Amino acid sequence: KIIGGFKKMILITGACGFIASALTWELNQGGRNDIILSGELEKEDKWLNIRDRDYYDWIHKDDLFEWLSIEENARKITTVVHMGACSATTETDMDFLMRNNYDYTKKLWKFCAKMNINY
């Protein structure tokens, strides 16, 4: 889909997780590959969840806001599906959980609200 000279994209965070990778698969089944995936590849085998997915680009979660700060990139995004979070019930570092789950989510929502992007 092209709007205003830019190919429009869906941004999916937490891309290597089960639900986000299943969503990417479903979008692919519908013929969509206008997808930017973001997340962490980590040391676990979760990266295998996206190995057969068709997407436009990958952006590490630590680089996402810098990438979005470039207007040409930000204008490409029409929808954000935010699935990125630490869901480990054994995680005990509350500062990490607040930064990763709460602060990151809030920052992404504020970006979407400012840019009038579906969240």
PDB file of N, CA and C in Angstrom:
ATOM      1  N   LYS A   1       0.847  -1.174   0.000  1.00  0.00           N
ATOM      2  CA  LYS A   1       0.000   0.000   0.000  1.00  0.00           C
ATOM      3  C   LYS A   1       0.894   1.239   0.000  1.00  0.00           C
ATOM      4  N   ILE A   2       0.682   2.138  -0.934  1.00  0.00           N
ATOM      5  CA  ILE A   2       1.481   3.356  -1.049  1.00  0.00           C
ATOM      6  C   ILE A   2       0.592   4.556  -0.727  1.00  0.00           C
ATOM      7  N   ILE A   3       1.034   5.359   0.227  1.00  0.00           N
ATOM      8  CA  ILE A   3       0.307   6.583   0.580  1.00  0.00           C
ATOM      9  C   ILE A   3       1.338   7.697   0.693  1.00  0.00           C
ATOM     10  N   GLY A   4       1.108   8.792   0.008  1.00  0.00           N
ATOM     11  CA  GLY A   4       2.012   9.932   0.096  1.00  0.00           C
ATOM     12  C   GLY A   4       3.432   9.617  -0.360  1.00  0.00           C
ATOM     13  N   GLY A   5       3.592   8.703  -1.306  1.00  0.00           N
ATOM     14  CA  GLY A   5       4.909   8.382  -1.827  1.00  0.00           C
ATOM     15  C   GLY A   5       5.686   7.364  -1.015  1.00  0.00           C
ATOM     16  N   PHE A   6       5.136   6.921   0.107  1.00  0.00           N
ATOM     17  CA  PHE A   6       5.829   5.966   0.965  1.00  0.00           C
ATOM     18  C   PHE A   6       5.064   4.652   1.001  1.00  0.00           C
ATOM     19  N   LYS A   7       5.788   3.547   0.979  1.00  0.00           N
ATOM     20  CA  LYS A   7       5.159   2.263   1.207  1.00  0.00           C
ATOM     21  C   LYS A   7       4.797   2.212   2.691  1.00  0.00           C
ATOM     22  N   LYS A   8       3.548   1.899   2.988  1.00  0.00           N
ATOM     23  CA  LYS A   8       3.073   1.884   4.363  1.00  0.00           C
ATOM     24  C   LYS A   8       3.293   0.514   4.987  1.00  0.00           C
ATOM     25  N   MET A   9       3.669   0.507   6.245  1.00  0.00           N
ATOM     26  CA  MET A   9       4.085  -0.710   6.922  1.00  0.00           C
ATOM     27  C   MET A   9       3.341  -0.931   8.235  1.00  0.00           C
ATOM     28  N   ILE A  10       3.279  -2.192   8.601  1.00  0.00           N
ATOM     29  CA  ILE A  10       2.819  -2.602   9.922  1.00  0.00           C
ATOM     30  C   ILE A  10       4.069  -2.903  10.730  1.00  0.00           C
ATOM     31  N   LEU A  11       4.175  -2.326  11.907  1.00  0.00           N
ATOM     32  CA  LEU A  11       5.285  -2.603  12.812  1.00  0.00           C
ATOM     33  C   LEU A  11       4.803  -3.581  13.872  1.00  0.00           C
ATOM     34  N   ILE A  12       5.507  -4.702  14.010  1.00  0.00           N
ATOM     35  CA  ILE A  12       5.172  -5.693  15.030  1.00  0.00           C
ATOM     36  C   ILE A  12       6.361  -5.814  15.969  1.00  0.00           C
ATOM     37  N   THR A  13       6.136  -5.514  17.242  1.00  0.00           N
ATOM     38  CA  THR A  13       7.204  -5.657  18.241  1.00  0.00           C
ATOM     39  C   THR A  13       7.079  -7.023  18.917  1.00  0.00           C
ATOM     40  N   GLY A  14       8.165  -7.416  19.572  1.00  0.00           N
ATOM     41  CA  GLY A  14       8.185  -8.737  20.187  1.00  0.00           C
ATOM     42  C   GLY A  14       8.112  -9.825  19.135  1.00  0.00           C
ATOM     43  N   ALA A  15       8.692  -9.534  17.972  1.00  0.00           N
ATOM     44  CA  ALA A  15       8.480 -10.328  16.766  1.00  0.00           C
ATOM     45  C   ALA A  15       8.860 -11.794  16.882  1.00  0.00           C
ATOM     46  N   CYS A  16       9.804 -12.120  17.733  1.00  0.00           N
ATOM     47  CA  CYS A  16      10.237 -13.519  17.850  1.00  0.00           C
ATOM     48  C   CYS A  16       9.356 -14.325  18.792  1.00  0.00           C
ATOM     49  N   GLY A  17       8.468 -13.664  19.491  1.00  0.00           N
ATOM     50  CA  GLY A  17       7.562 -14.368  20.383  1.00  0.00           C
ATOM     51  C   GLY A  17       6.531 -15.173  19.607  1.00  0.00           C
ATOM     52  N   PHE A  18       5.918 -16.107  20.289  1.00  0.00           N
ATOM     53  CA  PHE A  18       4.969 -17.009  19.642  1.00  0.00           C
ATOM     54  C   PHE A  18       3.794 -16.266  19.013  1.00  0.00           C
ATOM     55  N   ILE A  19       3.158 -15.370  19.755  1.00  0.00           N
ATOM     56  CA  ILE A  19       1.965 -14.689  19.247  1.00  0.00           C
ATOM     57  C   ILE A  19       2.323 -13.741  18.095  1.00  0.00           C
ATOM     58  N   ALA A  20       3.367 -12.961  18.265  1.00  0.00           N
ATOM     59  CA  ALA A  20       3.763 -12.019  17.211  1.00  0.00           C
ATOM     60  C   ALA A  20       4.187 -12.758  15.943  1.00  0.00           C
ATOM     61  N   SER A  21       4.904 -13.861  16.097  1.00  0.00           N
ATOM     62  CA  SER A  21       5.321 -14.619  14.905  1.00  0.00           C
ATOM     63  C   SER A  21       4.119 -15.280  14.236  1.00  0.00           C
ATOM     64  N   ALA A  22       3.133 -15.696  15.038  1.00  0.00           N
ATOM     65  CA  ALA A  22       1.906 -16.266  14.456  1.00  0.00           C
ATOM     66  C   ALA A  22       1.116 -15.189  13.716  1.00  0.00           C
ATOM     67  N   LEU A  23       1.076 -13.979  14.250  1.00  0.00           N
ATOM     68  CA  LEU A  23       0.417 -12.869  13.565  1.00  0.00           C
ATOM     69  C   LEU A  23       1.116 -12.582  12.233  1.00  0.00           C
ATOM     70  N   THR A  24       2.440 -12.577  12.245  1.00  0.00           N
ATOM     71  CA  THR A  24       3.193 -12.353  11.015  1.00  0.00           C
ATOM     72  C   THR A  24       2.876 -13.440   9.996  1.00  0.00           C
ATOM     73  N   TRP A  25       2.810 -14.675  10.444  1.00  0.00           N
ATOM     74  CA  TRP A  25       2.452 -15.787   9.560  1.00  0.00           C
ATOM     75  C   TRP A  25       1.073 -15.570   8.954  1.00  0.00           C
ATOM     76  N   GLU A  26       0.105 -15.182   9.792  1.00  0.00           N
ATOM     77  CA  GLU A  26      -1.262 -14.956   9.321  1.00  0.00           C
ATOM     78  C   GLU A  26      -1.300 -13.823   8.289  1.00  0.00           C
ATOM     79  N   LEU A  27      -0.578 -12.740   8.543  1.00  0.00           N
ATOM     80  CA  LEU A  27      -0.506 -11.644   7.574  1.00  0.00           C
ATOM     81  C   LEU A  27       0.119 -12.133   6.267  1.00  0.00           C
ATOM     82  N   ASN A  28       1.174 -12.933   6.374  1.00  0.00           N
ATOM     83  CA  ASN A  28       1.794 -13.515   5.175  1.00  0.00           C
ATOM     84  C   ASN A  28       0.802 -14.369   4.410  1.00  0.00           C
ATOM     85  N   GLN A  29      -0.015 -15.153   5.112  1.00  0.00           N
ATOM     86  CA  GLN A  29      -1.007 -16.002   4.453  1.00  0.00           C
ATOM     87  C   GLN A  29      -2.018 -15.166   3.674  1.00  0.00           C
ATOM     88  N   GLY A  30      -2.255 -13.952   4.144  1.00  0.00           N
ATOM     89  CA  GLY A  30      -3.148 -13.031   3.446  1.00  0.00           C
ATOM     90  C   GLY A  30      -2.446 -12.216   2.372  1.00  0.00           C
ATOM     91  N   GLY A  31      -1.182 -12.542   2.089  1.00  0.00           N
ATOM     92  CA  GLY A  31      -0.441 -11.857   1.035  1.00  0.00           C
ATOM     93  C   GLY A  31       0.308 -10.619   1.492  1.00  0.00           C
ATOM     94  N   ARG A  32       0.395 -10.408   2.797  1.00  0.00           N
ATOM     95  CA  ARG A  32       1.053  -9.195   3.306  1.00  0.00           C
ATOM     96  C   ARG A  32       2.504  -9.486   3.691  1.00  0.00           C
ATOM     97  N   ASN A  33       3.389  -8.643   3.223  1.00  0.00           N
ATOM     98  CA  ASN A  33       4.774  -8.675   3.674  1.00  0.00           C
ATOM     99  C   ASN A  33       5.273  -7.252   3.937  1.00  0.00           C
ATOM    100  N   ASP A  34       4.330  -6.320   4.006  1.00  0.00           N
ATOM    101  CA  ASP A  34       4.634  -4.923   4.315  1.00  0.00           C
ATOM    102  C   ASP A  34       4.751  -4.770   5.832  1.00  0.00           C
ATOM    103  N   ILE A  35       5.691  -5.527   6.384  1.00  0.00           N
ATOM    104  CA  ILE A  35       5.801  -5.690   7.828  1.00  0.00           C
ATOM    105  C   ILE A  35       7.232  -5.387   8.258  1.00  0.00           C
ATOM    106  N   ILE A  36       7.356  -4.602   9.301  1.00  0.00           N
ATOM    107  CA  ILE A  36       8.645  -4.392   9.939  1.00  0.00           C
ATOM    108  C   ILE A  36       8.584  -5.108  11.284  1.00  0.00           C
ATOM    109  N   LEU A  37       9.527  -6.000  11.501  1.00  0.00           N
ATOM    110  CA  LEU A  37       9.592  -6.745  12.753  1.00  0.00           C
ATOM    111  C   LEU A  37      10.626  -6.103  13.655  1.00  0.00           C
ATOM    112  N   SER A  38      10.312  -6.076  14.942  1.00  0.00           N
ATOM    113  CA  SER A  38      11.236  -5.538  15.926  1.00  0.00           C
ATOM    114  C   SER A  38      11.214  -6.434  17.150  1.00  0.00           C
ATOM    115  N   GLY A  39      12.358  -6.582  17.750  1.00  0.00           N
ATOM    116  CA  GLY A  39      12.464  -7.407  18.950  1.00  0.00           C
ATOM    117  C   GLY A  39      13.910  -7.696  19.252  1.00  0.00           C
ATOM    118  N   GLU A  40      14.123  -8.809  19.931  1.00  0.00           N
ATOM    119  CA  GLU A  40      15.461  -9.288  20.256  1.00  0.00           C
ATOM    120  C   GLU A  40      15.588 -10.711  19.745  1.00  0.00           C
ATOM    121  N   LEU A  41      16.711 -11.008  19.126  1.00  0.00           N
ATOM    122  CA  LEU A  41      16.941 -12.377  18.664  1.00  0.00           C
ATOM    123  C   LEU A  41      17.370 -13.266  19.824  1.00  0.00           C
ATOM    124  N   GLU A  42      18.008 -12.688  20.804  1.00  0.00           N
ATOM    125  CA  GLU A  42      18.395 -13.363  22.045  1.00  0.00           C
ATOM    126  C   GLU A  42      19.233 -14.604  21.794  1.00  0.00           C
ATOM    127  N   LYS A  43      19.525 -15.289  22.855  1.00  0.00           N
ATOM    128  CA  LYS A  43      20.323 -16.510  22.782  1.00  0.00           C
ATOM    129  C   LYS A  43      19.439 -17.744  22.712  1.00  0.00           C
ATOM    130  N   GLU A  44      18.179 -17.577  23.001  1.00  0.00           N
ATOM    131  CA  GLU A  44      17.246 -18.696  22.936  1.00  0.00           C
ATOM    132  C   GLU A  44      16.923 -19.018  21.477  1.00  0.00           C
ATOM    133  N   ASP A  45      16.146 -20.034  21.269  1.00  0.00           N
ATOM    134  CA  ASP A  45      15.762 -20.435  19.923  1.00  0.00           C
ATOM    135  C   ASP A  45      14.530 -19.698  19.412  1.00  0.00           C
ATOM    136  N   LYS A  46      14.101 -18.634  20.108  1.00  0.00           N
ATOM    137  CA  LYS A  46      12.889 -17.926  19.686  1.00  0.00           C
ATOM    138  C   LYS A  46      13.028 -17.315  18.295  1.00  0.00           C
ATOM    139  N   TRP A  47      14.251 -17.012  17.861  1.00  0.00           N
ATOM    140  CA  TRP A  47      14.446 -16.447  16.534  1.00  0.00           C
ATOM    141  C   TRP A  47      13.954 -17.407  15.452  1.00  0.00           C
ATOM    142  N   LEU A  48      13.895 -18.695  15.790  1.00  0.00           N
ATOM    143  CA  LEU A  48      13.407 -19.672  14.819  1.00  0.00           C
ATOM    144  C   LEU A  48      11.946 -19.421  14.453  1.00  0.00           C
ATOM    145  N   ASN A  49      11.215 -18.733  15.334  1.00  0.00           N
ATOM    146  CA  ASN A  49       9.805 -18.431  15.071  1.00  0.00           C
ATOM    147  C   ASN A  49       9.608 -17.550  13.839  1.00  0.00           C
ATOM    148  N   ILE A  50      10.625 -16.793  13.450  1.00  0.00           N
ATOM    149  CA  ILE A  50      10.458 -15.886  12.299  1.00  0.00           C
ATOM    150  C   ILE A  50      11.289 -16.304  11.091  1.00  0.00           C
ATOM    151  N   ARG A  51      11.951 -17.416  11.159  1.00  0.00           N
ATOM    152  CA  ARG A  51      12.859 -17.801  10.067  1.00  0.00           C
ATOM    153  C   ARG A  51      12.142 -17.989   8.742  1.00  0.00           C
ATOM    154  N   ASP A  52      10.889 -18.406   8.754  1.00  0.00           N
ATOM    155  CA  ASP A  52      10.150 -18.623   7.511  1.00  0.00           C
ATOM    156  C   ASP A  52       9.117 -17.534   7.243  1.00  0.00           C
ATOM    157  N   ARG A  53       9.243 -16.414   7.909  1.00  0.00           N
ATOM    158  CA  ARG A  53       8.299 -15.317   7.709  1.00  0.00           C
ATOM    159  C   ARG A  53       8.811 -14.383   6.622  1.00  0.00           C
ATOM    160  N   ASP A  54       7.880 -13.733   5.940  1.00  0.00           N
ATOM    161  CA  ASP A  54       8.212 -12.787   4.876  1.00  0.00           C
ATOM    162  C   ASP A  54       7.923 -11.387   5.412  1.00  0.00           C
ATOM    163  N   TYR A  55       8.964 -10.579   5.535  1.00  0.00           N
ATOM    164  CA  TYR A  55       8.805  -9.228   6.079  1.00  0.00           C
ATOM    165  C   TYR A  55       9.781  -8.290   5.389  1.00  0.00           C
ATOM    166  N   TYR A  56       9.485  -7.010   5.490  1.00  0.00           N
ATOM    167  CA  TYR A  56      10.257  -5.985   4.797  1.00  0.00           C
ATOM    168  C   TYR A  56      11.593  -5.711   5.477  1.00  0.00           C
ATOM    169  N   ASP A  57      11.574  -5.634   6.827  1.00  0.00           N
ATOM    170  CA  ASP A  57      12.804  -5.284   7.533  1.00  0.00           C
ATOM    171  C   ASP A  57      12.735  -5.742   8.979  1.00  0.00           C
ATOM    172  N   TRP A  58      13.909  -5.845   9.588  1.00  0.00           N
ATOM    173  CA  TRP A  58      14.081  -6.190  11.002  1.00  0.00           C
ATOM    174  C   TRP A  58      14.816  -5.037  11.673  1.00  0.00           C
ATOM    175  N   ILE A  59      14.322  -4.630  12.851  1.00  0.00           N
ATOM    176  CA  ILE A  59      14.981  -3.594  13.644  1.00  0.00           C
ATOM    177  C   ILE A  59      15.064  -4.091  15.074  1.00  0.00           C
ATOM    178  N   HIS A  60      16.268  -4.121  15.620  1.00  0.00           N
ATOM    179  CA  HIS A  60      16.431  -4.546  17.008  1.00  0.00           C
ATOM    180  C   HIS A  60      15.671  -3.574  17.912  1.00  0.00           C
ATOM    181  N   LYS A  61      15.047  -4.103  18.956  1.00  0.00           N
ATOM    182  CA  LYS A  61      14.229  -3.254  19.837  1.00  0.00           C
ATOM    183  C   LYS A  61      15.017  -2.102  20.435  1.00  0.00           C
ATOM    184  N   ASP A  62      16.321  -2.281  20.668  1.00  0.00           N
ATOM    185  CA  ASP A  62      17.138  -1.205  21.234  1.00  0.00           C
ATOM    186  C   ASP A  62      17.391  -0.087  20.226  1.00  0.00           C
ATOM    187  N   ASP A  63      17.192  -0.367  18.945  1.00  0.00           N
ATOM    188  CA  ASP A  63      17.406   0.631  17.895  1.00  0.00           C
ATOM    189  C   ASP A  63      16.104   1.215  17.356  1.00  0.00           C
ATOM    190  N   LEU A  64      14.964   0.723  17.843  1.00  0.00           N
ATOM    191  CA  LEU A  64      13.685   1.101  17.250  1.00  0.00           C
ATOM    192  C   LEU A  64      13.394   2.595  17.348  1.00  0.00           C
ATOM    193  N   PHE A  65      13.574   3.200  18.513  1.00  0.00           N
ATOM    194  CA  PHE A  65      13.205   4.612  18.657  1.00  0.00           C
ATOM    195  C   PHE A  65      14.146   5.525  17.881  1.00  0.00           C
ATOM    196  N   GLU A  66      15.395   5.138  17.754  1.00  0.00           N
ATOM    197  CA  GLU A  66      16.309   5.906  16.905  1.00  0.00           C
ATOM    198  C   GLU A  66      15.849   5.810  15.449  1.00  0.00           C
ATOM    199  N   TRP A  67      15.451   4.607  15.017  1.00  0.00           N
ATOM    200  CA  TRP A  67      14.956   4.412  13.656  1.00  0.00           C
ATOM    201  C   TRP A  67      13.678   5.218  13.426  1.00  0.00           C
ATOM    202  N   LEU A  68      12.784   5.201  14.417  1.00  0.00           N
ATOM    203  CA  LEU A  68      11.528   5.943  14.293  1.00  0.00           C
ATOM    204  C   LEU A  68      11.733   7.457  14.344  1.00  0.00           C
ATOM    205  N   SER A  69      12.856   7.911  14.885  1.00  0.00           N
ATOM    206  CA  SER A  69      13.114   9.354  14.960  1.00  0.00           C
ATOM    207  C   SER A  69      13.432   9.951  13.588  1.00  0.00           C
ATOM    208  N   ILE A  70      13.700   9.109  12.619  1.00  0.00           N
ATOM    209  CA  ILE A  70      13.916   9.565  11.239  1.00  0.00           C
ATOM    210  C   ILE A  70      12.539   9.672  10.582  1.00  0.00           C
ATOM    211  N   GLU A  71      12.172  10.879  10.185  1.00  0.00           N
ATOM    212  CA  GLU A  71      10.813  11.136   9.705  1.00  0.00           C
ATOM    213  C   GLU A  71      10.394  10.206   8.575  1.00  0.00           C
ATOM    214  N   GLU A  72      11.295   9.948   7.638  1.00  0.00           N
ATOM    215  CA  GLU A  72      10.959   9.070   6.517  1.00  0.00           C
ATOM    216  C   GLU A  72      10.556   7.670   7.012  1.00  0.00           C
ATOM    217  N   ASN A  73      11.221   7.187   8.048  1.00  0.00           N
ATOM    218  CA  ASN A  73      10.875   5.882   8.619  1.00  0.00           C
ATOM    219  C   ASN A  73       9.548   5.952   9.367  1.00  0.00           C
ATOM    220  N   ALA A  74       9.406   6.956  10.195  1.00  0.00           N
ATOM    221  CA  ALA A  74       8.194   7.094  11.012  1.00  0.00           C
ATOM    222  C   ALA A  74       6.951   7.198  10.134  1.00  0.00           C
ATOM    223  N   ARG A  75       7.067   7.883   9.011  1.00  0.00           N
ATOM    224  CA  ARG A  75       5.916   8.074   8.114  1.00  0.00           C
ATOM    225  C   ARG A  75       5.507   6.791   7.401  1.00  0.00           C
ATOM    226  N   LYS A  76       6.362   5.781   7.423  1.00  0.00           N
ATOM    227  CA  LYS A  76       6.043   4.497   6.794  1.00  0.00           C
ATOM    228  C   LYS A  76       5.055   3.683   7.616  1.00  0.00           C
ATOM    229  N   ILE A  77       5.010   3.938   8.895  1.00  0.00           N
ATOM    230  CA  ILE A  77       4.234   3.094   9.808  1.00  0.00           C
ATOM    231  C   ILE A  77       2.791   3.570   9.875  1.00  0.00           C
ATOM    232  N   THR A  78       1.844   2.656   9.624  1.00  0.00           N
ATOM    233  CA  THR A  78       0.423   2.977   9.761  1.00  0.00           C
ATOM    234  C   THR A  78      -0.194   2.292  10.977  1.00  0.00           C
ATOM    235  N   THR A  79       0.402   1.190  11.394  1.00  0.00           N
ATOM    236  CA  THR A  79      -0.139   0.401  12.499  1.00  0.00           C
ATOM    237  C   THR A  79       1.006  -0.188  13.302  1.00  0.00           C
ATOM    238  N   VAL A  80       0.864  -0.165  14.626  1.00  0.00           N
ATOM    239  CA  VAL A  80       1.815  -0.825  15.520  1.00  0.00           C
ATOM    240  C   VAL A  80       1.059  -1.887  16.296  1.00  0.00           C
ATOM    241  N   VAL A  81       1.568  -3.115  16.232  1.00  0.00           N
ATOM    242  CA  VAL A  81       1.058  -4.202  17.062  1.00  0.00           C
ATOM    243  C   VAL A  81       2.172  -4.487  18.058  1.00  0.00           C
ATOM    244  N   HIS A  82       1.949  -4.052  19.284  1.00  0.00           N
ATOM    245  CA  HIS A  82       2.997  -4.136  20.313  1.00  0.00           C
ATOM    246  C   HIS A  82       2.824  -5.398  21.142  1.00  0.00           C
ATOM    247  N   MET A  83       3.676  -6.379  20.865  1.00  0.00           N
ATOM    248  CA  MET A  83       3.659  -7.646  21.595  1.00  0.00           C
ATOM    249  C   MET A  83       4.936  -7.818  22.414  1.00  0.00           C
ATOM    250  N   GLY A  84       5.801  -6.835  22.385  1.00  0.00           N
ATOM    251  CA  GLY A  84       7.093  -6.941  23.057  1.00  0.00           C
ATOM    252  C   GLY A  84       6.976  -6.697  24.543  1.00  0.00           C
ATOM    253  N   ALA A  85       7.394  -7.669  25.318  1.00  0.00           N
ATOM    254  CA  ALA A  85       7.440  -7.554  26.771  1.00  0.00           C
ATOM    255  C   ALA A  85       8.122  -8.791  27.326  1.00  0.00           C
ATOM    256  N   CYS A  86       8.624  -8.664  28.524  1.00  0.00           N
ATOM    257  CA  CYS A  86       9.165  -9.831  29.211  1.00  0.00           C
ATOM    258  C   CYS A  86       8.011 -10.485  29.960  1.00  0.00           C
ATOM    259  N   SER A  87       7.704 -11.705  29.583  1.00  0.00           N
ATOM    260  CA  SER A  87       6.589 -12.415  30.216  1.00  0.00           C
ATOM    261  C   SER A  87       7.068 -13.532  31.142  1.00  0.00           C
ATOM    262  N   ALA A  88       8.375 -13.593  31.380  1.00  0.00           N
ATOM    263  CA  ALA A  88       8.923 -14.642  32.240  1.00  0.00           C
ATOM    264  C   ALA A  88       8.433 -14.459  33.670  1.00  0.00           C
ATOM    265  N   THR A  89       7.745 -15.441  34.185  1.00  0.00           N
ATOM    266  CA  THR A  89       7.233 -15.363  35.556  1.00  0.00           C
ATOM    267  C   THR A  89       8.343 -15.499  36.591  1.00  0.00           C
ATOM    268  N   THR A  90       9.530 -15.871  36.146  1.00  0.00           N
ATOM    269  CA  THR A  90      10.656 -16.022  37.062  1.00  0.00           C
ATOM    270  C   THR A  90      11.531 -14.773  37.121  1.00  0.00           C
ATOM    271  N   GLU A  91      11.218 -13.756  36.304  1.00  0.00           N
ATOM    272  CA  GLU A  91      12.012 -12.523  36.311  1.00  0.00           C
ATOM    273  C   GLU A  91      11.792 -11.785  37.624  1.00  0.00           C
ATOM    274  N   THR A  92      12.877 -11.468  38.318  1.00  0.00           N
ATOM    275  CA  THR A  92      12.774 -10.801  39.625  1.00  0.00           C
ATOM    276  C   THR A  92      13.331  -9.384  39.612  1.00  0.00           C
ATOM    277  N   ASP A  93      13.918  -8.956  38.508  1.00  0.00           N
ATOM    278  CA  ASP A  93      14.486  -7.614  38.410  1.00  0.00           C
ATOM    279  C   ASP A  93      13.369  -6.634  38.039  1.00  0.00           C
ATOM    280  N   MET A  94      12.794  -6.023  39.043  1.00  0.00           N
ATOM    281  CA  MET A  94      11.657  -5.131  38.815  1.00  0.00           C
ATOM    282  C   MET A  94      12.044  -3.875  38.042  1.00  0.00           C
ATOM    283  N   ASP A  95      13.270  -3.400  38.213  1.00  0.00           N
ATOM    284  CA  ASP A  95      13.708  -2.244  37.416  1.00  0.00           C
ATOM    285  C   ASP A  95      13.729  -2.600  35.932  1.00  0.00           C
ATOM    286  N   PHE A  96      14.226  -3.793  35.612  1.00  0.00           N
ATOM    287  CA  PHE A  96      14.214  -4.259  34.222  1.00  0.00           C
ATOM    288  C   PHE A  96      12.785  -4.357  33.699  1.00  0.00           C
ATOM    289  N   LEU A  97      11.898  -4.951  34.479  1.00  0.00           N
ATOM    290  CA  LEU A  97      10.506  -5.098  34.038  1.00  0.00           C
ATOM    291  C   LEU A  97       9.843  -3.747  33.805  1.00  0.00           C
ATOM    292  N   MET A  98      10.107  -2.790  34.670  1.00  0.00           N
ATOM    293  CA  MET A  98       9.525  -1.455  34.480  1.00  0.00           C
ATOM    294  C   MET A  98      10.072  -0.790  33.215  1.00  0.00           C
ATOM    295  N   ARG A  99      11.381  -0.879  32.988  1.00  0.00           N
ATOM    296  CA  ARG A  99      11.972  -0.296  31.771  1.00  0.00           C
ATOM    297  C   ARG A  99      11.458  -1.010  30.523  1.00  0.00           C
ATOM    298  N   ASN A 100      11.492  -2.323  30.558  1.00  0.00           N
ATOM    299  CA  ASN A 100      11.187  -3.130  29.378  1.00  0.00           C
ATOM    300  C   ASN A 100       9.690  -3.190  29.076  1.00  0.00           C
ATOM    301  N   ASN A 101       8.880  -3.376  30.080  1.00  0.00           N
ATOM    302  CA  ASN A 101       7.451  -3.601  29.858  1.00  0.00           C
ATOM    303  C   ASN A 101       6.629  -2.318  29.953  1.00  0.00           C
ATOM    304  N   TYR A 102       6.898  -1.505  30.940  1.00  0.00           N
ATOM    305  CA  TYR A 102       6.077  -0.316  31.161  1.00  0.00           C
ATOM    306  C   TYR A 102       6.601   0.902  30.387  1.00  0.00           C
ATOM    307  N   ASP A 103       7.854   1.283  30.637  1.00  0.00           N
ATOM    308  CA  ASP A 103       8.395   2.489  30.008  1.00  0.00           C
ATOM    309  C   ASP A 103       8.449   2.371  28.483  1.00  0.00           C
ATOM    310  N   TYR A 104       8.876   1.233  27.983  1.00  0.00           N
ATOM    311  CA  TYR A 104       8.972   1.025  26.534  1.00  0.00           C
ATOM    312  C   TYR A 104       7.592   1.116  25.886  1.00  0.00           C
ATOM    313  N   THR A 105       6.610   0.476  26.532  1.00  0.00           N
ATOM    314  CA  THR A 105       5.234   0.505  26.025  1.00  0.00           C
ATOM    315  C   THR A 105       4.685   1.926  26.011  1.00  0.00           C
ATOM    316  N   LYS A 106       4.924   2.648  27.084  1.00  0.00           N
ATOM    317  CA  LYS A 106       4.444   4.027  27.183  1.00  0.00           C
ATOM    318  C   LYS A 106       5.102   4.918  26.122  1.00  0.00           C
ATOM    319  N   LYS A 107       6.393   4.745  25.914  1.00  0.00           N
ATOM    320  CA  LYS A 107       7.102   5.536  24.904  1.00  0.00           C
ATOM    321  C   LYS A 107       6.579   5.229  23.502  1.00  0.00           C
ATOM    322  N   LEU A 108       6.321   3.968  23.238  1.00  0.00           N
ATOM    323  CA  LEU A 108       5.796   3.585  21.924  1.00  0.00           C
ATOM    324  C   LEU A 108       4.387   4.134  21.728  1.00  0.00           C
ATOM    325  N   TRP A 109       3.560   4.073  22.773  1.00  0.00           N
ATOM    326  CA  TRP A 109       2.206   4.624  22.678  1.00  0.00           C
ATOM    327  C   TRP A 109       2.258   6.132  22.423  1.00  0.00           C
ATOM    328  N   LYS A 110       3.124   6.848  23.128  1.00  0.00           N
ATOM    329  CA  LYS A 110       3.236   8.295  22.929  1.00  0.00           C
ATOM    330  C   LYS A 110       3.654   8.622  21.501  1.00  0.00           C
ATOM    331  N   PHE A 111       4.576   7.828  20.952  1.00  0.00           N
ATOM    332  CA  PHE A 111       4.983   8.023  19.559  1.00  0.00           C
ATOM    333  C   PHE A 111       3.783   7.849  18.636  1.00  0.00           C
ATOM    334  N   CYS A 112       3.023   6.778  18.845  1.00  0.00           N
ATOM    335  CA  CYS A 112       1.864   6.505  17.987  1.00  0.00           C
ATOM    336  C   CYS A 112       0.807   7.598  18.108  1.00  0.00           C
ATOM    337  N   ALA A 113       0.567   8.064  19.317  1.00  0.00           N
ATOM    338  CA  ALA A 113      -0.416   9.123  19.529  1.00  0.00           C
ATOM    339  C   ALA A 113       0.017  10.406  18.817  1.00  0.00           C
ATOM    340  N   LYS A 114       1.289  10.742  18.930  1.00  0.00           N
ATOM    341  CA  LYS A 114       1.821  11.958  18.288  1.00  0.00           C
ATOM    342  C   LYS A 114       1.716  11.860  16.763  1.00  0.00           C
ATOM    343  N   MET A 115       1.988  10.678  16.223  1.00  0.00           N
ATOM    344  CA  MET A 115       2.011  10.498  14.767  1.00  0.00           C
ATOM    345  C   MET A 115       0.667  10.030  14.202  1.00  0.00           C
ATOM    346  N   ASN A 116      -0.333   9.885  15.083  1.00  0.00           N
ATOM    347  CA  ASN A 116      -1.656   9.422  14.666  1.00  0.00           C
ATOM    348  C   ASN A 116      -1.584   8.045  13.985  1.00  0.00           C
ATOM    349  N   ILE A 117      -0.886   7.127  14.652  1.00  0.00           N
ATOM    350  CA  ILE A 117      -0.690   5.771  14.157  1.00  0.00           C
ATOM    351  C   ILE A 117      -1.554   4.832  14.977  1.00  0.00           C
ATOM    352  N   ASN A 118      -2.244   3.916  14.306  1.00  0.00           N
ATOM    353  CA  ASN A 118      -3.046   2.902  15.010  1.00  0.00           C
ATOM    354  C   ASN A 118      -2.138   2.096  15.923  1.00  0.00           C
ATOM    355  N   TYR A 119      -2.578   1.894  17.152  1.00  0.00           N
ATOM    356  CA  TYR A 119      -1.781   1.173  18.156  1.00  0.00           C
ATOM    357  C   TYR A 119      -2.600   0.042  18.705  1.00  0.00           C
TER     358      TYR A 119
END
